[in-house]
Amino acid sequence: MPHLRVRFLTEEKVQHLSEKMIPELASLTQTPADHYTLELISSKLFSAGKPTAGDPFCEVLWFDRGPAMQDQAAELITRHLRAIHPEGDVVVCFLPLGRTAYYENGRHFGS
């Protein structure tokens, strides 16, 4: 935890992100890098009945860290995605998880 899910990137680009971006995010959030997961989700877009290319899309599932940290993380993720995909848009979407709704080995992270 945190979990990052990305779409519309190649496996090689996601491997690069795991080496470069995750350590920076870990430092920013003061969370060990090995607590992060980075998942590539295979997705296909269609428009007017035909396949179309998609721009990088990153979902971040994490415990709420406040708007300032979220803004900094969004900037960092966008910078890394833009470096490997300079054309088009980059979307980063945060999905805050409640600590009592997230379980690991049968125990939630709430107080």
Protein backbone atom coordinates (compact mmCIF):
# COMPACT_ATOMS: atom_id res chain seq x y z
CA MET A 1 0.00 0.00 0.00
CA PRO A 2 -0.13 2.44 -1.85
CA HIS A 3 -1.26 0.68 -5.02
CA LEU A 4 -0.77 2.31 -8.41
CA ARG A 5 -2.63 0.97 -11.43
CA VAL A 6 -1.61 2.24 -14.86
CA ARG A 7 -3.16 1.86 -18.29
CA PHE A 8 -2.12 2.56 -21.88
CA LEU A 9 1.61 2.04 -21.36
CA THR A 10 3.94 -0.72 -22.46
CA GLU A 11 5.34 -3.24 -20.02
CA GLU A 12 8.83 -1.82 -20.57
CA LYS A 13 7.67 1.69 -19.65
CA VAL A 14 6.01 0.44 -16.48
CA GLN A 15 9.17 -1.46 -15.52
CA HIS A 16 11.05 1.83 -15.94
CA LEU A 17 8.52 3.58 -13.69
CA SER A 18 9.02 0.92 -11.04
CA GLU A 19 12.74 1.69 -10.98
CA LYS A 20 12.59 5.49 -11.17
CA MET A 21 9.21 6.76 -9.97
CA ILE A 22 8.44 4.45 -7.04
CA PRO A 23 11.61 5.32 -5.07
CA GLU A 24 10.80 9.03 -5.47
CA LEU A 25 7.21 8.50 -4.32
CA ALA A 26 8.45 6.47 -1.37
CA SER A 27 10.76 9.30 -0.37
CA LEU A 28 8.03 11.91 -0.81
CA THR A 29 5.49 9.98 1.28
CA GLN A 30 8.02 8.56 3.75
CA THR A 31 6.73 5.07 2.96
CA PRO A 32 9.09 2.16 2.25
CA ALA A 33 9.37 1.53 -1.50
CA ASP A 34 8.57 -2.14 -1.01
CA HIS A 35 5.14 -1.16 0.35
CA TYR A 36 4.20 0.20 -3.10
CA THR A 37 2.71 -1.91 -5.86
CA LEU A 38 2.66 -0.86 -9.50
CA GLU A 39 0.23 -2.76 -11.71
CA LEU A 40 -0.13 -2.57 -15.48
CA ILE A 41 -3.74 -3.09 -16.51
CA SER A 42 -4.36 -4.12 -20.10
CA SER A 43 -7.10 -1.94 -21.56
CA LYS A 44 -8.50 -1.12 -24.98
CA LEU A 45 -10.35 2.03 -26.01
CA PHE A 46 -12.82 2.34 -28.85
CA SER A 47 -14.24 5.36 -30.66
CA ALA A 48 -16.74 5.29 -33.53
CA GLY A 49 -16.49 1.51 -33.65
CA LYS A 50 -12.71 1.41 -34.01
CA PRO A 51 -9.83 0.84 -31.60
CA THR A 52 -8.09 4.04 -30.55
CA ALA A 53 -4.94 4.81 -28.56
CA GLY A 54 -5.21 5.94 -24.96
CA ASP A 55 -3.17 8.41 -22.98
CA PRO A 56 -1.46 7.30 -19.76
CA PHE A 57 -3.90 6.87 -16.90
CA CYS A 58 -2.75 6.22 -13.34
CA GLU A 59 -5.02 5.37 -10.42
CA VAL A 60 -3.53 5.78 -6.96
CA LEU A 61 -5.21 3.82 -4.18
CA TRP A 62 -3.91 4.98 -0.82
CA PHE A 63 -4.84 6.28 2.61
CA ASP A 64 -5.67 9.99 2.49
CA ARG A 65 -2.54 12.08 3.02
CA GLY A 66 -4.13 15.50 2.60
CA PRO A 67 -4.38 17.78 -0.43
CA ALA A 68 -0.80 19.11 -0.29
CA MET A 69 0.75 15.63 -0.39
CA GLN A 70 -1.74 14.52 -3.04
CA ASP A 71 -0.81 17.52 -5.22
CA GLN A 72 2.91 16.76 -4.83
CA ALA A 73 2.39 13.10 -5.66
CA ALA A 74 0.27 14.01 -8.71
CA GLU A 75 3.02 16.33 -9.97
CA LEU A 76 5.69 13.65 -9.46
CA ILE A 77 3.65 10.94 -11.21
CA THR A 78 2.74 13.30 -14.07
CA ARG A 79 6.39 14.26 -14.53
CA HIS A 80 7.43 10.62 -14.82
CA LEU A 81 4.57 9.69 -17.14
CA ARG A 82 5.22 12.73 -19.32
CA ALA A 83 8.91 11.76 -19.59
CA ILE A 84 8.00 8.41 -21.14
CA HIS A 85 4.90 9.60 -23.02
CA PRO A 86 5.45 13.25 -24.02
CA GLU A 87 2.44 13.58 -26.34
CA GLY A 88 -1.21 13.80 -25.28
CA ASP A 89 -2.69 14.05 -21.83
CA VAL A 90 -1.66 12.37 -18.59
CA VAL A 91 -4.37 11.54 -16.06
CA VAL A 92 -3.74 10.77 -12.39
CA CYS A 93 -6.75 9.78 -10.28
CA PHE A 94 -6.57 9.38 -6.50
CA LEU A 95 -8.88 6.90 -4.79
CA PRO A 96 -8.51 7.42 -1.03
CA LEU A 97 -9.18 4.29 1.00
CA GLY A 98 -10.62 4.24 4.49
CA ARG A 99 -8.27 2.60 6.98
CA THR A 100 -11.07 0.42 8.35
CA ALA A 101 -12.00 -0.70 4.80
CA TYR A 102 -8.49 -1.91 3.89
CA TYR A 103 -7.52 -5.33 5.21
CA GLU A 104 -4.20 -7.12 5.09
CA ASN A 105 -4.14 -10.69 6.37
CA GLY A 106 -7.61 -10.24 7.86
CA ARG A 107 -6.83 -7.07 9.83
CA HIS A 108 -7.78 -3.53 8.90
CA PHE A 109 -5.50 -0.53 9.31
CA GLY A 110 -7.92 1.51 11.45
CA SER A 111 -7.29 2.50 15.02
